[in-house]
Protein backbone atom coordinates (compact mmCIF):
# COMPACT_ATOMS: atom_id res chain seq x y z
CA MET A 1 0.05 -0.05 -0.07
CA ARG A 2 1.77 3.49 -1.02
CA CYS A 3 1.91 5.95 1.77
CA ARG A 4 0.72 9.35 0.64
CA VAL A 5 2.25 12.51 2.52
CA ASP A 6 0.84 15.97 2.11
CA LYS A 7 2.74 19.30 2.84
CA LEU A 8 5.25 18.32 4.68
CA PRO A 9 8.70 19.34 5.42
CA PRO A 10 10.77 16.38 3.75
CA MET A 11 13.50 16.37 6.40
CA VAL A 12 11.29 16.22 9.51
CA PHE A 13 9.24 12.95 8.55
CA PRO A 14 10.60 9.43 7.96
CA LEU A 15 8.55 8.82 4.86
CA SER A 16 9.80 5.09 4.54
CA LEU A 17 8.90 4.31 8.15
CA MET A 18 5.68 5.50 7.14
CA ALA A 19 5.36 3.09 4.41
CA ALA A 20 6.73 0.20 6.31
CA GLU A 21 4.19 0.73 8.82
CA GLY A 22 1.49 0.45 6.64
CA PHE A 23 -0.12 4.39 6.41
CA GLU A 24 -2.21 5.36 3.85
CA GLN A 25 -1.81 8.75 4.14
CA VAL A 26 0.00 11.51 6.83
CA ALA A 27 -1.37 15.36 5.89
CA TYR A 28 0.20 18.43 7.39
CA ARG A 29 -1.58 21.85 7.77
CA TYR A 30 -0.12 24.99 8.74
CA ASP A 31 -2.17 28.17 8.98
CA ALA A 32 -0.33 31.24 9.66
CA SER A 33 -3.54 33.31 10.45
CA THR A 34 -4.68 31.14 13.55
CA GLY A 35 -1.14 29.53 14.72
CA LEU A 36 -2.62 26.42 13.51
CA ARG A 37 -0.01 23.44 12.81
CA ALA A 38 -1.98 19.93 12.66
CA ILE A 39 -1.26 16.65 11.31
CA VAL A 40 -3.70 13.94 10.71
CA ALA A 41 -2.31 10.18 10.23
CA ILE A 42 -4.48 7.88 8.45
CA HIS A 43 -3.17 4.03 9.14
CA SER A 44 -6.07 2.15 7.38
CA THR A 45 -9.12 2.58 5.80
CA VAL A 46 -9.56 -1.55 5.26
CA LEU A 47 -12.50 -1.64 7.63
CA GLY A 48 -14.12 2.05 6.95
CA PRO A 49 -12.94 5.52 7.30
CA GLY A 50 -10.20 6.45 9.52
CA LEU A 51 -11.73 7.44 13.10
CA GLY A 52 -10.09 8.77 15.89
CA GLY A 53 -9.61 12.02 18.01
CA THR A 54 -7.86 15.16 17.90
CA ARG A 55 -5.06 15.45 20.72
CA PHE A 56 -4.45 19.23 21.18
CA TRP A 57 -0.99 18.91 23.13
CA PRO A 58 2.22 21.09 23.55
CA TYR A 59 4.77 18.76 21.87
CA LEU A 60 8.33 19.83 22.19
CA ASN A 61 8.68 19.91 18.16
CA GLU A 62 6.75 18.26 15.12
CA GLU A 63 8.90 15.04 15.03
CA GLU A 64 7.56 14.31 18.68
CA ALA A 65 4.11 15.33 17.32
CA LEU A 66 4.52 13.13 14.14
CA ILE A 67 5.56 9.88 16.43
CA ASP A 68 2.64 10.29 18.78
CA VAL A 69 -0.03 10.76 15.97
CA THR A 70 1.26 7.56 14.19
CA ARG A 71 1.29 5.60 17.19
CA LEU A 72 -1.67 6.53 18.05
CA ALA A 73 -3.22 6.30 14.64
CA LYS A 74 -2.30 2.44 14.51
CA GLY A 75 -3.48 1.76 17.60
CA MET A 76 -7.13 3.17 16.34
CA THR A 77 -6.83 0.53 13.43
CA TYR A 78 -6.37 -2.39 15.89
CA LYS A 79 -9.04 -0.99 18.38
CA HIS A 80 -11.75 -0.79 15.88
CA ALA A 81 -10.74 -4.05 14.43
CA ALA A 82 -10.50 -6.10 17.61
CA ALA A 83 -14.17 -4.28 18.79
CA GLY A 84 -15.78 -5.42 15.42
CA LEU A 85 -16.49 -1.91 14.30
CA HIS A 86 -16.82 -0.81 10.53
CA GLN A 87 -13.94 2.06 11.25
CA GLY A 88 -10.25 2.23 10.18
CA GLY A 89 -7.32 3.82 12.09
CA GLY A 90 -6.74 7.39 12.09
CA LYS A 91 -5.93 10.21 14.53
CA ALA A 92 -4.81 13.97 14.76
CA VAL A 93 -2.50 16.26 16.60
CA ILE A 94 -2.83 19.70 16.88
CA ILE A 95 0.66 21.35 18.15
CA GLY A 96 0.43 23.68 20.84
CA ASP A 97 -0.92 24.56 24.39
CA PRO A 98 -4.78 24.60 24.10
CA ALA A 99 -4.73 26.91 26.91
CA ARG A 100 -3.02 29.95 25.06
CA LEU A 101 -3.34 28.75 21.53
CA ARG A 102 -6.97 27.70 21.07
CA SER A 103 -9.29 30.21 19.20
CA ASP A 104 -12.69 29.35 17.36
CA GLU A 105 -10.80 30.81 14.46
CA LEU A 106 -8.18 27.90 14.72
CA ILE A 107 -10.69 25.20 15.49
CA LEU A 108 -12.64 26.45 12.37
CA ALA A 109 -9.01 26.15 10.40
CA TYR A 110 -8.77 22.68 11.59
CA GLY A 111 -12.04 21.64 10.58
CA ARG A 112 -11.62 22.97 6.89
CA PHE A 113 -8.37 20.91 6.99
CA VAL A 114 -10.43 17.78 8.20
CA GLU A 115 -13.05 18.82 5.31
CA GLU A 116 -10.56 18.82 2.62
CA LEU A 117 -9.46 15.16 3.57
CA SER A 118 -12.95 14.02 1.66
CA GLY A 119 -14.43 11.84 4.70
CA ARG A 120 -11.02 9.66 4.72
CA TYR A 121 -10.65 10.81 8.05
CA LEU A 122 -13.45 11.16 11.39
CA THR A 123 -12.38 13.51 13.91
CA ALA A 124 -13.62 13.24 17.45
CA GLU A 125 -12.56 14.93 20.89
CA ASP A 126 -9.24 13.68 22.83
CA ILE A 127 -6.94 15.19 25.12
CA GLY A 128 -6.91 19.01 25.03
CA THR A 129 -10.05 18.75 22.54
CA THR A 130 -13.70 19.20 24.22
CA GLN A 131 -17.14 18.57 22.73
CA ALA A 132 -17.60 22.40 21.92
CA ASP A 133 -14.82 22.09 19.68
CA MET A 134 -16.34 19.26 17.98
CA ASN A 135 -19.61 21.10 17.66
CA LEU A 136 -17.74 24.23 16.13
CA ILE A 137 -16.03 21.90 13.75
CA GLY A 138 -19.16 20.36 12.77
CA THR A 139 -20.48 23.80 11.17
CA VAL A 140 -17.72 23.55 8.62
CA THR A 141 -17.59 19.62 7.81
CA SER A 142 -19.36 16.56 8.54
CA HIS A 143 -16.77 14.36 9.24
CA VAL A 144 -16.87 14.99 13.00
CA THR A 145 -18.46 12.39 15.64
CA GLY A 146 -18.83 13.17 19.50
CA ARG A 147 -21.01 16.30 18.99
CA SER A 148 -23.31 17.14 21.76
CA GLU A 149 -26.46 15.29 21.66
CA ALA A 150 -28.38 18.05 20.93
CA LEU A 151 -26.79 18.24 17.74
CA GLY A 152 -27.19 14.63 16.88
CA GLY A 153 -24.37 13.05 18.44
CA SER A 154 -23.47 10.96 21.05
CA GLY A 155 -21.93 13.53 23.87
CA ASP A 156 -18.85 13.42 25.58
CA PRO A 157 -17.23 9.83 25.07
CA SER A 158 -15.24 9.70 28.54
CA PRO A 159 -18.62 8.19 30.44
CA ALA A 160 -18.56 5.08 27.69
CA THR A 161 -14.51 4.52 27.75
CA ALA A 162 -15.21 4.40 31.49
CA LEU A 163 -18.11 1.99 31.38
CA GLY A 164 -16.14 -0.33 29.24
CA LEU A 165 -13.30 -0.19 31.31
CA VAL A 166 -15.85 -1.70 34.22
CA TRP A 167 -17.03 -4.56 31.83
CA ALA A 168 -13.15 -5.18 31.29
CA MET A 169 -12.17 -5.51 35.12
CA ARG A 170 -14.88 -7.74 35.61
CA ALA A 171 -13.62 -9.95 32.88
CA VAL A 172 -10.23 -9.75 34.84
CA ALA A 173 -12.09 -10.13 37.79
CA GLU A 174 -13.86 -13.54 36.47
CA ARG A 175 -9.91 -14.64 35.52
CA LEU A 176 -8.24 -13.97 38.37
CA TRP A 177 -10.99 -14.81 41.44
CA GLY A 178 -13.64 -16.41 39.81
CA GLU A 179 -16.32 -13.81 40.16
CA ALA A 180 -16.97 -10.67 38.28
CA GLU A 181 -17.80 -8.63 41.52
CA LEU A 182 -15.62 -5.58 42.17
CA ALA A 183 -17.01 -4.85 45.79
CA ASP A 184 -14.10 -4.89 48.12
CA ARG A 185 -11.35 -4.93 45.48
CA HIS A 186 -8.74 -2.39 45.79
CA VAL A 187 -8.24 -0.21 42.44
CA CYS A 188 -5.49 2.53 41.86
CA ILE A 189 -6.37 4.75 39.63
CA ALA A 190 -3.62 6.85 37.65
CA GLY A 191 -4.90 9.90 35.98
CA VAL A 192 -8.75 10.97 37.15
CA GLY A 193 -9.56 13.47 34.65
CA LYS A 194 -12.72 13.16 32.45
CA VAL A 195 -12.54 9.12 32.09
CA GLY A 196 -10.53 8.26 35.42
CA GLY A 197 -12.75 10.50 37.26
CA ALA A 198 -15.81 8.48 35.90
CA LEU A 199 -14.58 5.03 36.42
CA ALA A 200 -13.85 6.08 40.16
CA ASP A 201 -17.43 7.11 40.42
CA HIS A 202 -18.71 3.66 38.67
CA LEU A 203 -16.09 2.07 40.89
CA HIS A 204 -17.40 3.25 43.79
CA ALA A 205 -20.76 2.66 43.29
CA GLN A 206 -19.99 -0.67 43.24
CA GLY A 207 -18.22 -0.95 46.73
CA ALA A 208 -14.52 -0.82 45.54
CA ARG A 209 -11.66 0.37 47.63
CA LEU A 210 -9.96 3.52 45.62
CA THR A 211 -6.58 4.87 45.63
CA VAL A 212 -6.18 7.86 43.22
CA ALA A 213 -3.18 9.99 41.38
CA ASP A 214 -3.23 12.67 39.16
CA VAL A 215 -1.06 15.67 38.57
CA HIS A 216 -3.42 18.25 38.82
CA PRO A 217 -4.65 18.56 42.45
CA ALA A 218 -8.14 19.90 41.73
CA ALA A 219 -8.95 16.56 39.86
CA VAL A 220 -7.76 14.73 42.54
CA ALA A 221 -9.84 16.58 45.17
CA ALA A 222 -12.88 16.38 43.35
CA VAL A 223 -12.75 12.63 43.23
CA VAL A 224 -11.87 12.42 46.89
CA ARG A 225 -15.14 14.34 47.81
CA ARG A 226 -17.31 11.89 46.06
CA THR A 227 -15.74 8.53 46.78
CA GLY A 228 -13.77 9.08 49.86
CA ALA A 229 -10.35 7.70 47.68
CA ASP A 230 -7.16 7.53 49.39
CA VAL A 231 -4.61 9.65 47.13
CA VAL A 232 -1.10 8.95 46.34
CA ALA A 233 1.67 10.54 44.41
CA PRO A 234 1.27 10.23 40.30
CA ASP A 235 5.19 8.69 40.34
CA ILE A 236 4.44 5.76 42.44
CA ALA A 237 0.84 5.02 41.73
CA HIS A 238 1.91 1.99 39.96
CA ALA A 239 3.50 0.30 42.64
CA VAL A 240 0.63 0.80 45.23
CA LYS A 241 -0.50 -2.64 46.46
CA ALA A 242 -3.82 -3.19 44.86
CA ASP A 243 -6.03 -5.68 42.95
CA LEU A 244 -6.28 -3.45 39.78
CA PHE A 245 -4.17 -0.40 38.62
CA ALA A 246 -5.88 1.29 35.67
CA PRO A 247 -3.64 3.68 33.96
CA CYS A 248 -6.03 6.59 32.73
CA ALA A 249 -3.65 9.35 31.54
CA LEU A 250 -1.04 9.43 28.66
CA GLY A 251 0.70 6.12 27.58
CA ALA A 252 4.30 4.71 27.86
CA GLY A 253 3.92 3.88 31.63
CA LEU A 254 4.59 0.50 31.72
CA SER A 255 8.44 -0.05 31.27
CA SER A 256 11.49 -2.10 32.16
CA ILE A 257 11.66 0.31 34.95
CA THR A 258 8.14 0.47 36.16
CA ILE A 259 7.04 -3.21 35.48
CA PRO A 260 9.23 -4.60 38.30
CA GLU A 261 7.77 -2.33 40.22
CA LEU A 262 4.06 -2.93 39.88
CA GLY A 263 1.83 -3.49 43.37
CA CYS A 264 -1.43 -5.12 41.29
CA LYS A 265 -2.37 -8.46 40.28
CA ALA A 266 -3.68 -6.87 36.70
CA VAL A 267 -3.39 -3.81 34.38
CA VAL A 268 -7.05 -2.47 33.29
CA GLY A 269 -6.49 1.06 31.94
CA SER A 270 -7.59 3.52 29.33
CA ALA A 271 -4.22 5.27 28.59
CA ASN A 272 -3.48 4.41 25.05
CA ASN A 273 -0.02 2.70 24.50
CA GLN A 274 0.74 1.65 27.65
CA LEU A 275 3.40 -0.57 27.14
CA ALA A 276 6.25 1.73 26.46
CA THR A 277 8.20 -0.93 23.94
CA ALA A 278 7.05 -4.32 22.38
CA GLN A 279 9.48 -5.93 24.58
CA ASP A 280 7.71 -5.06 27.56
CA ALA A 281 4.51 -6.89 26.58
CA GLN A 282 6.51 -10.23 27.45
CA ARG A 283 8.24 -8.32 30.37
CA ILE A 284 4.70 -7.72 31.85
CA HIS A 285 3.87 -11.20 31.49
CA ASP A 286 6.86 -12.82 32.92
CA SER A 287 6.19 -10.67 36.19
CA GLY A 288 3.11 -12.44 36.53
CA VAL A 289 0.76 -9.29 36.15
CA LEU A 290 -1.90 -10.08 33.93
CA TYR A 291 -2.17 -7.17 31.19
CA ALA A 292 -5.68 -6.39 29.93
CA PRO A 293 -4.24 -5.04 26.44
CA ASP A 294 -5.02 -1.18 26.18
CA TYR A 295 -7.38 -0.64 22.79
CA ILE A 296 -9.14 -3.48 23.78
CA VAL A 297 -10.61 -2.20 27.14
CA ASN A 298 -10.59 1.71 26.42
CA ALA A 299 -13.41 0.71 23.26
CA GLY A 300 -16.09 2.16 24.87
CA GLY A 301 -15.94 5.41 23.82
CA VAL A 302 -15.67 4.64 19.96
CA ILE A 303 -18.07 1.91 20.37
CA ASN A 304 -20.18 4.67 21.50
CA ILE A 305 -19.58 6.98 18.55
CA ALA A 306 -20.03 4.05 15.92
CA GLU A 307 -23.87 4.39 17.42
CA GLU A 308 -24.18 7.68 15.88
CA LYS A 309 -24.06 5.87 12.37
CA VAL A 310 -27.32 4.07 12.76
CA GLY A 311 -29.10 7.21 14.75
CA TYR A 312 -27.44 7.32 18.30
CA ASP A 313 -29.35 5.41 21.04
CA ARG A 314 -27.60 5.52 24.47
CA ASP A 315 -29.28 1.95 26.25
CA ARG A 316 -28.15 0.18 22.51
CA ALA A 317 -24.71 1.51 22.87
CA ASN A 318 -24.29 0.55 26.49
CA GLY A 319 -25.35 -2.87 25.27
CA GLN A 320 -22.78 -3.07 22.55
CA ILE A 321 -19.95 -1.79 25.19
CA SER A 322 -20.92 -4.61 27.53
CA ARG A 323 -19.27 -6.87 24.69
CA ILE A 324 -15.94 -5.57 25.85
CA HIS A 325 -16.18 -8.13 28.72
CA ASP A 326 -16.28 -10.89 26.34
CA THR A 327 -13.65 -9.67 23.97
CA VAL A 328 -11.38 -9.14 27.23
CA LEU A 329 -12.07 -12.95 27.99
CA GLU A 330 -11.62 -14.02 24.26
CA VAL A 331 -7.96 -12.47 24.32
CA PHE A 332 -7.39 -14.29 27.47
CA ASP A 333 -8.37 -17.52 25.91
CA LEU A 334 -6.34 -16.98 23.00
CA ALA A 335 -3.27 -15.80 24.91
CA GLU A 336 -3.24 -19.26 27.06
CA SER A 337 -3.94 -21.35 24.07
CA ALA A 338 -1.24 -20.03 21.65
CA GLY A 339 0.82 -19.58 24.47
CA ILE A 340 1.82 -16.32 23.63
CA THR A 341 1.36 -12.28 25.44
CA THR A 342 -2.12 -10.71 26.13
CA ALA A 343 -0.79 -8.29 23.94
CA ALA A 344 0.08 -10.36 20.89
CA ALA A 345 -3.34 -12.25 21.06
CA ALA A 346 -5.05 -8.95 21.51
CA ASP A 347 -3.07 -8.33 17.89
CA ARG A 348 -3.91 -11.26 16.16
CA LEU A 349 -7.37 -11.04 16.83
CA ALA A 350 -7.31 -7.43 15.41
CA GLU A 351 -5.09 -8.56 12.09
CA GLN A 352 -7.49 -11.51 11.28
CA ARG A 353 -10.58 -8.96 11.23
CA LEU A 354 -8.48 -6.82 9.25
CA ALA A 355 -7.29 -9.51 6.82
CA GLU A 356 -10.95 -10.73 6.44
CA GLY A 357 -11.72 -7.09 5.70
CA LEU A 358 -8.96 -6.77 3.03
CA ASN A 359 -10.30 -9.91 1.76
CA LEU A 360 -13.68 -8.52 0.95
CA ARG A 361 -12.45 -5.50 -0.27
CA ARG A 362 -10.61 -7.85 -2.88
CA GLU A 363 -13.58 -10.06 -3.72
CA SER A 364 -15.83 -6.75 -4.20
CA ARG A 365 -13.35 -5.34 -6.82
CA GLY A 366 -13.22 -8.67 -9.12
CA PRO A 367 -10.16 -9.75 -10.50
CA GLY A 368 -7.26 -7.96 -11.70
CA GLN A 369 -8.37 -4.64 -9.91
């Protein structure tokens, strides 16, 4: 598959790497009047248009932004495939501090950039962007999801992501302790923003004991008021002696340094790309900690968004999200039967569906096309 790159400074972007990783398109936009610097990465449209959120973040440089957006886009391909969705993998980043750079004009300029991609990429909310941003983007392009329910969208995807995590945790509890109940289980949540905070509320309602951490004291204080959670410093949250550890902030937190320090029985969190390197999948397996692959357990948000295509209904969406429980168990069973890590099992599950989708596309085109 040919990699297509639009309007990119050639010395910044490793094009051969993009092609080797199977990316279909990487597009860059700079708008002098608003200060917009954005990258959209489309990894695969085999199963449908590339769908993924727009991250607004103060990257150190464009190379760091490219590494993040491409890693996230590929993860979205696998997430949608494993979840059984008719969506491809895409992601976008806006480079800069949203607290200083955001303006309606910039968001509209970004929306016009999405529109120019002609539906190959559907955007959504992510770190640094809001539902209000999606509503505004929706005034200049139809290729946007997660708008407010009043505008026909599914609203903030964070509660759906948190609900999916609960179903994943119930599957993990079944595997480890023979029952799905989370009452009296100790869960440490690292990152209590929109997803982590909603997860804390769900778990508190089910009688779990909570320890929380976040770099933002106000977020921690709000969760403590609602749930009575204990508090720990973010840099040692992974080492807390707990039943479950839920990393719900930025990725790459599970590494050769942190994995030996884990104090949990299992990792089940919403952060994307939790493993710092591919080798960490084997490292966490060898440590005896059960790893529920991130893109399997955090799929609730995209499953929720996918319901917009048939007319959004929250009850139906929640029913689809509950299937994450079964997918997690399927991954665990595959890992055990094949003698591979849970991360490898998740990839195998996703790749099987991608292969099926590619075969269907070839058959529909006919011979020689």
